[in-house]
């Protein structure tokens, strides 16, 4: 996981999940390239299902933390990664660009 970290050791989640984020982007495409063999067919409901799954995973992690405090470090890392992944998927789902995301993170 070291190659997916920033200079201060924090994980760079965009590099941890590139395939999943590309998949999400593909599910939300509304326009296809002119030379594409098939038209764009956005599937936002699939992205919503993914978000429900990730939210459920967060709840499972919280339950595991309550039952097994000895695994807290590993579970907290997983919780942080899952929480950040939810944010990244939501940014794509709502079509936020880098400026919008930066403004949201400053406000929050």
Protein backbone atom coordinates (compact mmCIF):
# COMPACT_ATOMS: atom_id res chain seq x y z
CA UNK A 1 0.00 0.00 0.00
CA UNK A 2 3.03 2.25 0.18
CA UNK A 3 2.90 3.14 -3.49
CA UNK A 4 -0.68 4.37 -2.97
CA UNK A 5 0.30 6.87 -0.27
CA UNK A 6 0.99 10.58 -0.16
CA UNK A 7 4.28 12.05 1.04
CA UNK A 8 2.95 12.12 4.61
CA UNK A 9 1.89 8.46 4.51
CA UNK A 10 -1.82 8.96 4.02
CA UNK A 11 -3.39 6.64 1.44
CA UNK A 12 -4.28 8.11 -1.94
CA UNK A 13 -7.59 6.35 -2.41
CA UNK A 14 -7.96 7.36 -6.04
CA UNK A 15 -4.96 5.12 -6.76
CA UNK A 16 -6.26 2.31 -4.58
CA UNK A 17 -9.49 1.90 -6.58
CA UNK A 18 -8.76 3.02 -10.18
CA UNK A 19 -10.62 0.15 -11.84
CA UNK A 20 -13.74 0.59 -9.73
CA UNK A 21 -13.78 4.35 -10.27
CA UNK A 22 -13.35 3.87 -14.04
CA UNK A 23 -16.24 1.38 -13.95
CA UNK A 24 -18.42 3.93 -12.13
CA UNK A 25 -17.48 6.59 -14.68
CA UNK A 26 -18.47 4.19 -17.47
CA UNK A 27 -21.81 3.45 -15.82
CA UNK A 28 -22.58 7.17 -15.79
CA UNK A 29 -21.56 8.04 -19.36
CA UNK A 30 -24.27 9.96 -21.16
CA UNK A 31 -22.43 10.45 -24.46
CA UNK A 32 -20.42 7.97 -26.50
CA UNK A 33 -17.56 8.80 -28.84
CA UNK A 34 -18.69 9.29 -32.46
CA UNK A 35 -16.82 6.14 -33.52
CA UNK A 36 -18.24 4.01 -30.68
CA UNK A 37 -19.91 0.76 -31.67
CA UNK A 38 -22.73 1.23 -29.16
CA UNK A 39 -24.56 4.24 -27.77
CA UNK A 40 -24.05 5.41 -24.22
CA UNK A 41 -26.44 3.70 -21.82
CA UNK A 42 -26.08 5.28 -18.38
CA UNK A 43 -26.85 2.95 -15.49
CA UNK A 44 -27.06 5.18 -12.40
CA UNK A 45 -29.08 2.52 -10.58
CA UNK A 46 -26.02 0.26 -10.57
CA UNK A 47 -23.98 3.05 -8.98
CA UNK A 48 -26.73 3.50 -6.39
CA UNK A 49 -26.54 -0.25 -5.62
CA UNK A 50 -22.77 0.06 -5.20
CA UNK A 51 -23.24 2.98 -2.79
CA UNK A 52 -25.75 0.95 -0.75
CA UNK A 53 -23.28 -1.93 -0.60
CA UNK A 54 -20.45 0.37 0.56
CA UNK A 55 -22.68 1.99 3.20
CA UNK A 56 -23.62 -1.47 4.45
CA UNK A 57 -19.94 -2.37 4.64
CA UNK A 58 -19.32 0.69 6.81
CA UNK A 59 -22.00 -0.54 9.22
CA UNK A 60 -20.42 -4.01 9.27
CA UNK A 61 -17.02 -2.50 10.07
CA UNK A 62 -18.53 -0.51 12.95
CA UNK A 63 -20.06 -3.72 14.34
CA UNK A 64 -16.73 -5.53 14.00
CA UNK A 65 -14.97 -2.70 15.82
CA UNK A 66 -17.40 -3.05 18.72
CA UNK A 67 -16.90 -6.84 18.87
CA UNK A 68 -13.16 -7.02 18.24
CA UNK A 69 -11.23 -4.00 19.53
CA UNK A 70 -7.96 -5.93 19.02
CA UNK A 71 -8.37 -5.48 15.25
CA UNK A 72 -9.08 -1.76 15.57
CA UNK A 73 -6.09 -0.55 13.54
CA UNK A 74 -6.85 -2.71 10.50
CA UNK A 75 -10.60 -2.07 10.73
CA UNK A 76 -10.09 1.69 11.06
CA UNK A 77 -7.92 1.64 7.92
CA UNK A 78 -10.64 -0.26 6.08
CA UNK A 79 -13.29 2.10 7.41
CA UNK A 80 -11.33 5.15 6.24
CA UNK A 81 -10.77 3.64 2.79
CA UNK A 82 -14.44 2.65 2.42
CA UNK A 83 -15.63 6.07 3.59
CA UNK A 84 -13.31 7.81 1.10
CA UNK A 85 -14.43 5.46 -1.69
CA UNK A 86 -18.04 6.42 -1.00
CA UNK A 87 -17.04 10.08 -1.34
CA UNK A 88 -15.24 9.43 -4.64
CA UNK A 89 -18.20 7.51 -6.08
CA UNK A 90 -20.61 10.23 -4.95
CA UNK A 91 -18.45 12.91 -6.60
CA UNK A 92 -18.69 11.03 -9.90
CA UNK A 93 -22.38 10.26 -9.42
CA UNK A 94 -23.20 13.94 -9.00
CA UNK A 95 -20.80 15.08 -11.73
CA UNK A 96 -18.61 17.18 -9.45
CA UNK A 97 -15.37 18.50 -10.91
CA UNK A 98 -12.16 19.08 -8.95
CA UNK A 99 -13.15 22.66 -8.06
CA UNK A 100 -16.51 21.55 -6.70
CA UNK A 101 -14.86 18.81 -4.65
CA UNK A 102 -12.26 21.22 -3.26
CA UNK A 103 -15.01 23.67 -2.24
CA UNK A 104 -16.95 20.86 -0.53
CA UNK A 105 -13.89 19.65 1.37
CA UNK A 106 -13.07 23.18 2.54
CA UNK A 107 -16.67 23.66 3.72
CA UNK A 108 -16.86 20.30 5.49
